[in-house]
């Protein structure tokens, strides 16, 4: 899933300092799962902003809406009848949300309420870790199910750098050396000889380096 976290309150207050009627738009997708932009978080932010403005002796009108998703046109269409009633919108979705809202409502001022961090998964309650960079060509099957592009601090495809120690990365001792994990996994599977094959340089043409990407399903288009 896409993992995000709320921007600091001070930053959000600064973005809306000139406005008195705003709408917070949450998302029931990934940001709800990571407790950053769901209905609950929309309510908390609304209350926090109103309290902060009241301390300044100013009133703030805040409307709350939480859409099923902000990355699908049919859902952002649901606020079309009220969007003009507000001076500004704060999108509490990943960065796709404020962009889709801005494209659909070109006259609206749309601000991001979250910082998008990465694609990952939950390690424990309240703890998420990066697992994918969206390179466009998945090769984790060659490395025991681990992604060295994402999980190696240097994105090495042909073995460790030599700086790891006791299974930890030299960049940060809190990071597992993914090559240590790969060797352990392949050894357990009896497939350690797999890493004797030299991987060619990564073809980045399927990644973001080739410009904004698009997926077209001919059977659905």
Protein backbone atom coordinates (compact mmCIF):
# COMPACT_ATOMS: atom_id res chain seq x y z
CA UNK A 1 0.00 0.00 0.00
CA UNK A 2 0.98 3.65 -0.22
CA UNK A 3 2.19 4.89 3.15
CA UNK A 4 1.83 8.55 4.11
CA UNK A 5 1.88 10.72 7.21
CA UNK A 6 0.18 13.97 8.10
CA UNK A 7 2.04 17.19 7.54
CA UNK A 8 2.93 19.21 10.67
CA UNK A 9 0.01 21.29 11.92
CA UNK A 10 2.12 24.44 11.64
CA UNK A 11 2.64 23.80 7.92
CA UNK A 12 -1.05 23.18 7.29
CA UNK A 13 -2.05 26.29 9.25
CA UNK A 14 0.37 28.35 7.19
CA UNK A 15 -1.10 27.01 3.94
CA UNK A 16 -4.62 28.08 4.91
CA UNK A 17 -3.79 31.23 6.85
CA UNK A 18 -5.68 33.48 4.41
CA UNK A 19 -8.82 31.35 4.24
CA UNK A 20 -11.85 31.00 6.52
CA UNK A 21 -13.94 28.29 4.85
CA UNK A 22 -12.15 25.08 3.99
CA UNK A 23 -13.04 21.49 3.23
CA UNK A 24 -11.02 18.51 4.40
CA UNK A 25 -11.28 15.58 2.02
CA UNK A 26 -10.19 12.21 3.35
CA UNK A 27 -9.67 8.90 1.58
CA UNK A 28 -10.79 5.41 2.62
CA UNK A 29 -7.93 3.76 0.76
CA UNK A 30 -4.30 3.29 1.75
CA UNK A 31 -4.10 6.36 4.00
CA UNK A 32 -6.95 5.02 6.12
CA UNK A 33 -5.03 1.79 6.64
CA UNK A 34 -1.89 3.69 7.73
CA UNK A 35 -3.96 5.98 9.98
CA UNK A 36 -3.07 9.16 8.13
CA UNK A 37 -6.07 10.35 6.13
CA UNK A 38 -9.21 8.38 6.91
CA UNK A 39 -12.47 9.63 8.40
CA UNK A 40 -11.05 9.56 11.93
CA UNK A 41 -7.97 11.56 10.95
CA UNK A 42 -10.11 14.07 9.04
CA UNK A 43 -12.13 14.68 12.21
CA UNK A 44 -9.02 15.09 14.34
CA UNK A 45 -7.43 17.55 11.92
CA UNK A 46 -10.65 19.54 11.61
CA UNK A 47 -10.88 19.95 15.39
CA UNK A 48 -7.18 20.77 15.69
CA UNK A 49 -7.32 23.47 13.03
CA UNK A 50 -10.42 25.10 14.49
CA UNK A 51 -8.89 25.17 17.97
CA UNK A 52 -5.65 26.64 16.64
CA UNK A 53 -7.46 29.39 14.74
CA UNK A 54 -9.70 30.16 17.72
CA UNK A 55 -6.59 30.75 19.82
CA UNK A 56 -5.64 33.38 17.25
CA UNK A 57 -9.04 35.01 17.71
CA UNK A 58 -10.19 33.89 14.26
CA UNK A 59 -13.01 31.61 13.19
CA UNK A 60 -12.55 28.74 10.78
CA UNK A 61 -15.37 26.89 9.06
CA UNK A 62 -14.35 23.33 8.25
CA UNK A 63 -16.40 20.80 6.28
CA UNK A 64 -15.45 17.13 6.39
CA UNK A 65 -15.79 14.63 3.57
CA UNK A 66 -14.18 11.21 3.25
CA UNK A 67 -14.32 9.63 -0.19
CA UNK A 68 -13.96 5.98 -1.07
CA UNK A 69 -10.86 6.87 -3.04
CA UNK A 70 -9.33 10.05 -4.43
CA UNK A 71 -7.60 8.29 -7.29
CA UNK A 72 -10.83 7.48 -9.16
CA UNK A 73 -12.84 10.16 -11.02
CA UNK A 74 -16.23 8.77 -10.00
CA UNK A 75 -15.47 9.32 -6.32
CA UNK A 76 -14.05 12.83 -6.51
CA UNK A 77 -17.12 13.73 -8.56
CA UNK A 78 -19.15 13.29 -5.36
CA UNK A 79 -18.10 16.72 -4.04
CA UNK A 80 -18.86 18.59 -7.27
CA UNK A 81 -22.01 20.18 -5.81
CA UNK A 82 -20.23 21.73 -2.83
CA UNK A 83 -16.66 22.39 -3.92
CA UNK A 84 -17.43 25.99 -4.90
CA UNK A 85 -18.71 26.72 -1.38
CA UNK A 86 -15.18 26.71 0.03
CA UNK A 87 -12.13 28.88 -0.37
CA UNK A 88 -9.70 25.99 -0.15
CA UNK A 89 -9.54 22.20 -0.03
CA UNK A 90 -7.08 20.11 1.96
CA UNK A 91 -6.65 16.65 0.49
CA UNK A 92 -5.80 13.99 3.06
CA UNK A 93 -4.79 11.39 0.50
CA UNK A 94 -1.51 10.36 -1.05
CA UNK A 95 -0.16 12.91 -3.52
CA UNK A 96 -2.40 11.46 -6.23
CA UNK A 97 -5.42 12.88 -4.38
CA UNK A 98 -4.62 16.62 -4.51
CA UNK A 99 -3.52 16.24 -8.13
CA UNK A 100 -6.75 14.54 -9.18
CA UNK A 101 -8.79 17.11 -7.28
CA UNK A 102 -6.87 19.96 -8.90
CA UNK A 103 -7.39 18.48 -12.36
CA UNK A 104 -11.11 17.93 -11.82
CA UNK A 105 -11.70 21.32 -10.16
CA UNK A 106 -9.29 23.73 -11.89
CA UNK A 107 -10.66 26.79 -10.08
CA UNK A 108 -10.26 25.26 -6.61
CA UNK A 109 -7.27 25.85 -4.35
CA UNK A 110 -6.12 22.40 -3.29
CA UNK A 111 -3.49 21.79 -0.63
CA UNK A 112 -1.86 18.47 0.37
CA UNK A 113 -2.46 17.53 3.99
CA UNK A 114 -0.15 14.53 3.90
CA UNK A 115 3.41 13.70 2.90
CA UNK A 116 3.55 10.55 0.78
CA UNK A 117 6.40 8.33 1.95
CA UNK A 118 6.59 5.03 0.07
CA UNK A 119 4.94 1.77 -0.98
CA UNK A 120 5.22 -0.81 1.74
CA UNK A 121 3.49 -2.92 4.34
CA UNK A 122 2.88 -3.25 8.05
CA UNK A 123 5.56 -4.78 10.28
CA UNK A 124 3.55 -4.26 13.45
CA UNK A 125 0.72 -2.06 14.66
CA UNK A 126 1.69 1.51 13.77
CA UNK A 127 4.89 0.46 11.98
CA UNK A 128 5.22 0.41 8.19
CA UNK A 129 8.26 -0.35 6.05
CA UNK A 130 9.17 0.35 2.44
CA UNK A 131 9.19 -2.66 0.13
CA UNK A 132 8.73 -1.36 -3.44
CA UNK A 133 9.96 1.54 -5.59
CA UNK A 134 7.66 0.81 -8.51
CA UNK A 135 10.51 0.19 -10.96
CA UNK A 136 8.11 -1.44 -13.41
CA UNK A 137 9.95 -4.77 -13.76
CA UNK A 138 9.73 -7.00 -10.70
CA UNK A 139 12.62 -9.43 -10.21
CA UNK A 140 12.22 -10.43 -6.55
CA UNK A 141 11.99 -14.10 -7.60
CA UNK A 142 15.71 -13.97 -8.42
CA UNK A 143 16.57 -12.94 -4.87
CA UNK A 144 14.60 -15.25 -2.63
CA UNK A 145 11.55 -12.99 -2.67
CA UNK A 146 13.42 -9.87 -1.54
CA UNK A 147 13.87 -6.67 -3.54
CA UNK A 148 17.49 -5.45 -3.48
CA UNK A 149 16.53 -2.34 -5.46
CA UNK A 150 14.38 -1.15 -2.58
CA UNK A 151 15.83 -2.84 0.47
CA UNK A 152 19.54 -2.48 -0.27
CA UNK A 153 20.58 1.05 0.62
CA UNK A 154 22.76 1.04 -2.50
CA UNK A 155 20.35 -0.96 -4.72
CA UNK A 156 23.05 -3.54 -5.48
CA UNK A 157 22.04 -6.43 -7.74
CA UNK A 158 25.16 -8.60 -7.49
CA UNK A 159 25.88 -9.24 -3.86
CA UNK A 160 26.53 -7.10 -0.80
CA UNK A 161 28.82 -4.09 -0.73
CA UNK A 162 31.16 -5.53 1.88
CA UNK A 163 30.36 -2.95 4.50
CA UNK A 164 27.59 -4.82 6.30
CA UNK A 165 28.23 -6.37 9.69
CA UNK A 166 26.28 -9.02 11.59
CA UNK A 167 23.47 -8.80 9.08
CA UNK A 168 23.11 -5.02 9.39
CA UNK A 169 23.60 -2.30 6.79
CA UNK A 170 26.62 -0.02 7.12
CA UNK A 171 24.40 2.96 6.26
CA UNK A 172 22.16 2.42 9.29
CA UNK A 173 22.50 -0.35 11.87
CA UNK A 174 18.70 -0.43 12.22
CA UNK A 175 18.43 -1.63 8.61
CA UNK A 176 18.74 -5.31 7.77
CA UNK A 177 21.29 -6.05 5.08
CA UNK A 178 18.97 -7.47 2.43
CA UNK A 179 21.82 -9.45 0.91
CA UNK A 180 22.30 -11.19 4.23
CA UNK A 181 18.60 -12.09 4.12
CA UNK A 182 18.86 -13.21 0.50
CA UNK A 183 21.79 -15.54 1.18
CA UNK A 184 20.06 -17.02 4.22
CA UNK A 185 16.85 -17.61 2.28
CA UNK A 186 18.53 -19.16 -0.76
CA UNK A 187 20.70 -21.34 1.48
CA UNK A 188 17.61 -22.61 3.29
CA UNK A 189 16.01 -23.40 -0.07
CA UNK A 190 19.13 -25.10 -1.42
CA UNK A 191 19.36 -22.51 -4.21
CA UNK A 192 22.38 -20.45 -3.18
CA UNK A 193 23.97 -21.11 -6.57
CA UNK A 194 21.34 -18.75 -8.01
CA UNK A 195 23.41 -15.76 -6.99
CA UNK A 196 26.34 -16.95 -9.11
CA UNK A 197 24.49 -15.62 -12.14
CA UNK A 198 25.62 -12.06 -12.80
CA UNK A 199 22.70 -9.68 -13.14
CA UNK A 200 23.04 -7.12 -15.94
CA UNK A 201 22.64 -3.42 -15.20
CA UNK A 202 19.06 -2.60 -14.33
CA UNK A 203 16.91 -1.46 -17.25
CA UNK A 204 15.34 1.70 -15.84
CA UNK A 205 13.22 2.45 -18.89
CA UNK A 206 10.23 0.88 -17.14
CA UNK A 207 10.72 3.07 -14.08
CA UNK A 208 9.93 6.70 -13.36
CA UNK A 209 13.17 7.69 -15.12
CA UNK A 210 11.36 7.38 -18.43
CA UNK A 211 8.79 10.02 -17.46
CA UNK A 212 5.27 9.71 -16.03
CA UNK A 213 3.92 6.24 -16.72
CA UNK A 214 0.52 5.02 -17.82
CA UNK A 215 -1.05 1.57 -17.81
CA UNK A 216 -3.71 0.86 -20.43
CA UNK A 217 -5.78 -2.31 -20.22
CA UNK A 218 -7.20 -2.81 -23.71
CA UNK A 219 -9.83 -5.20 -22.37
CA UNK A 220 -11.12 -2.48 -20.03
CA UNK A 221 -10.56 0.69 -22.05
